[in-house]
Protein backbone atom coordinates (compact mmCIF):
# COMPACT_ATOMS: atom_id res chain seq x y z
CA UNK A 1 84.73 92.77 98.91
CA UNK A 2 88.34 91.60 99.07
CA UNK A 3 91.35 90.80 96.91
CA UNK A 4 92.66 87.27 96.66
CA UNK A 5 96.43 87.09 96.11
CA UNK A 6 99.51 85.05 97.02
CA UNK A 7 100.95 86.79 100.07
CA UNK A 8 104.12 86.21 102.06
CA UNK A 9 104.94 87.12 105.63
CA UNK A 10 108.56 86.52 106.48
CA UNK A 11 109.42 83.05 105.13
CA UNK A 12 105.78 81.89 105.04
CA UNK A 13 103.77 81.96 101.80
CA UNK A 14 99.98 82.08 101.90
CA UNK A 15 98.61 81.17 98.47
CA UNK A 16 95.12 82.56 98.02
CA UNK A 17 95.29 84.96 100.96
CA UNK A 18 92.52 87.53 101.29
CA UNK A 19 93.27 91.24 101.62
CA UNK A 20 90.39 93.22 103.08
CA UNK A 21 90.06 96.97 103.56
CA UNK A 22 89.09 97.01 107.21
CA UNK A 23 88.92 100.73 107.90
CA UNK A 24 89.41 104.02 106.07
CA UNK A 25 90.49 107.20 107.78
CA UNK A 26 89.98 110.58 106.07
CA UNK A 27 91.40 113.80 107.37
CA UNK A 28 92.71 117.18 106.31
CA UNK A 29 96.18 118.36 107.14
CA UNK A 30 97.06 122.02 107.29
CA UNK A 31 100.31 122.73 105.49
CA UNK A 32 102.09 125.98 106.32
CA UNK A 33 104.08 127.83 103.71
CA UNK A 34 105.29 131.34 103.03
CA UNK A 35 104.26 133.25 99.92
CA UNK A 36 106.31 136.20 98.83
CA UNK A 37 104.24 139.35 98.35
CA UNK A 38 104.77 142.08 95.75
CA UNK A 39 106.28 144.39 98.37
CA UNK A 40 108.95 141.78 99.26
CA UNK A 41 107.38 140.62 102.50
CA UNK A 42 106.33 137.06 103.15
CA UNK A 43 102.85 135.98 104.18
CA UNK A 44 102.20 132.79 106.11
CA UNK A 45 99.58 130.75 104.21
CA UNK A 46 97.72 127.62 105.33
CA UNK A 47 96.64 125.10 102.72
CA UNK A 48 94.28 122.22 103.41
CA UNK A 49 95.61 118.92 102.06
CA UNK A 50 93.34 115.86 102.20
CA UNK A 51 94.80 112.61 103.54
CA UNK A 52 93.18 109.20 103.18
CA UNK A 53 94.56 106.04 104.79
CA UNK A 54 93.18 102.52 104.44
CA UNK A 55 93.94 99.82 107.01
CA UNK A 56 94.33 96.44 105.31
CA UNK A 57 93.85 93.09 107.05
CA UNK A 58 95.42 89.97 105.52
CA UNK A 59 93.69 86.65 106.13
CA UNK A 60 95.26 83.30 105.18
CA UNK A 61 92.15 82.10 103.34
CA UNK A 62 88.46 82.70 102.65
CA UNK A 63 87.27 80.82 105.73
CA UNK A 64 89.37 82.97 108.07
CA UNK A 65 88.10 86.13 106.40
CA UNK A 66 84.45 85.11 106.57
CA UNK A 67 84.72 84.09 110.23
CA UNK A 68 86.56 87.31 111.19
CA UNK A 69 89.48 85.30 112.52
CA UNK A 70 92.55 87.14 113.70
CA UNK A 71 94.40 88.48 110.63
CA UNK A 72 97.87 87.07 109.99
CA UNK A 73 99.17 90.49 108.97
CA UNK A 74 97.97 94.07 108.62
CA UNK A 75 99.29 97.25 107.07
CA UNK A 76 98.17 100.67 105.95
CA UNK A 77 98.26 102.48 102.63
CA UNK A 78 97.82 106.15 101.87
CA UNK A 79 95.91 106.97 98.71
CA UNK A 80 94.42 109.96 96.94
CA UNK A 81 90.68 110.40 97.23
CA UNK A 82 88.52 113.40 96.47
CA UNK A 83 85.40 113.31 98.69
CA UNK A 84 83.66 115.65 96.24
CA UNK A 85 84.00 113.11 93.40
CA UNK A 86 81.15 110.90 94.58
CA UNK A 87 83.30 107.82 93.95
CA UNK A 88 82.86 104.90 96.34
CA UNK A 89 85.73 105.29 98.80
CA UNK A 90 86.14 101.52 99.25
CA UNK A 91 86.45 100.97 95.50
CA UNK A 92 89.11 103.70 95.45
CA UNK A 93 90.95 101.99 98.32
CA UNK A 94 90.93 98.61 96.56
CA UNK A 95 92.17 100.21 93.34
CA UNK A 96 95.02 101.82 95.29
CA UNK A 97 95.76 98.49 97.01
CA UNK A 98 96.23 96.84 93.61
CA UNK A 99 98.96 99.39 92.85
CA UNK A 100 101.01 98.78 96.00
CA UNK A 101 104.58 98.09 94.90
CA UNK A 102 104.82 94.86 96.91
CA UNK A 103 101.76 93.40 95.15
CA UNK A 104 102.24 94.91 91.68
CA UNK A 105 103.54 91.71 90.02
CA UNK A 106 101.07 89.35 91.70
CA UNK A 107 97.99 87.91 90.04
CA UNK A 108 94.98 89.36 91.88
CA UNK A 109 91.37 88.31 91.93
CA UNK A 110 88.50 90.45 93.15
CA UNK A 111 86.25 88.48 95.50
């Protein structure tokens, strides 16, 4: 699975570059906050917040992707994912990748 798109790095344009979700990292962060109680005191409360990050490799073309050549660029995106949903996490990552601001106006092809 990958996304084919025109991609630029600096002044170089790579028409038909392949974006591949290489790795997904899921974790839970503990967020601290204070909740005011009825008696006027404050109680320290910890809330679990899920965090999901996908590492994206960019290959110049299909051949480079299929041969696991060194990627020409890489970046990470954070996206919302509920592990309880049963949704395929890679499909969720690719859907989030299509909504990245930098790629929003590009024509994309699922490959």
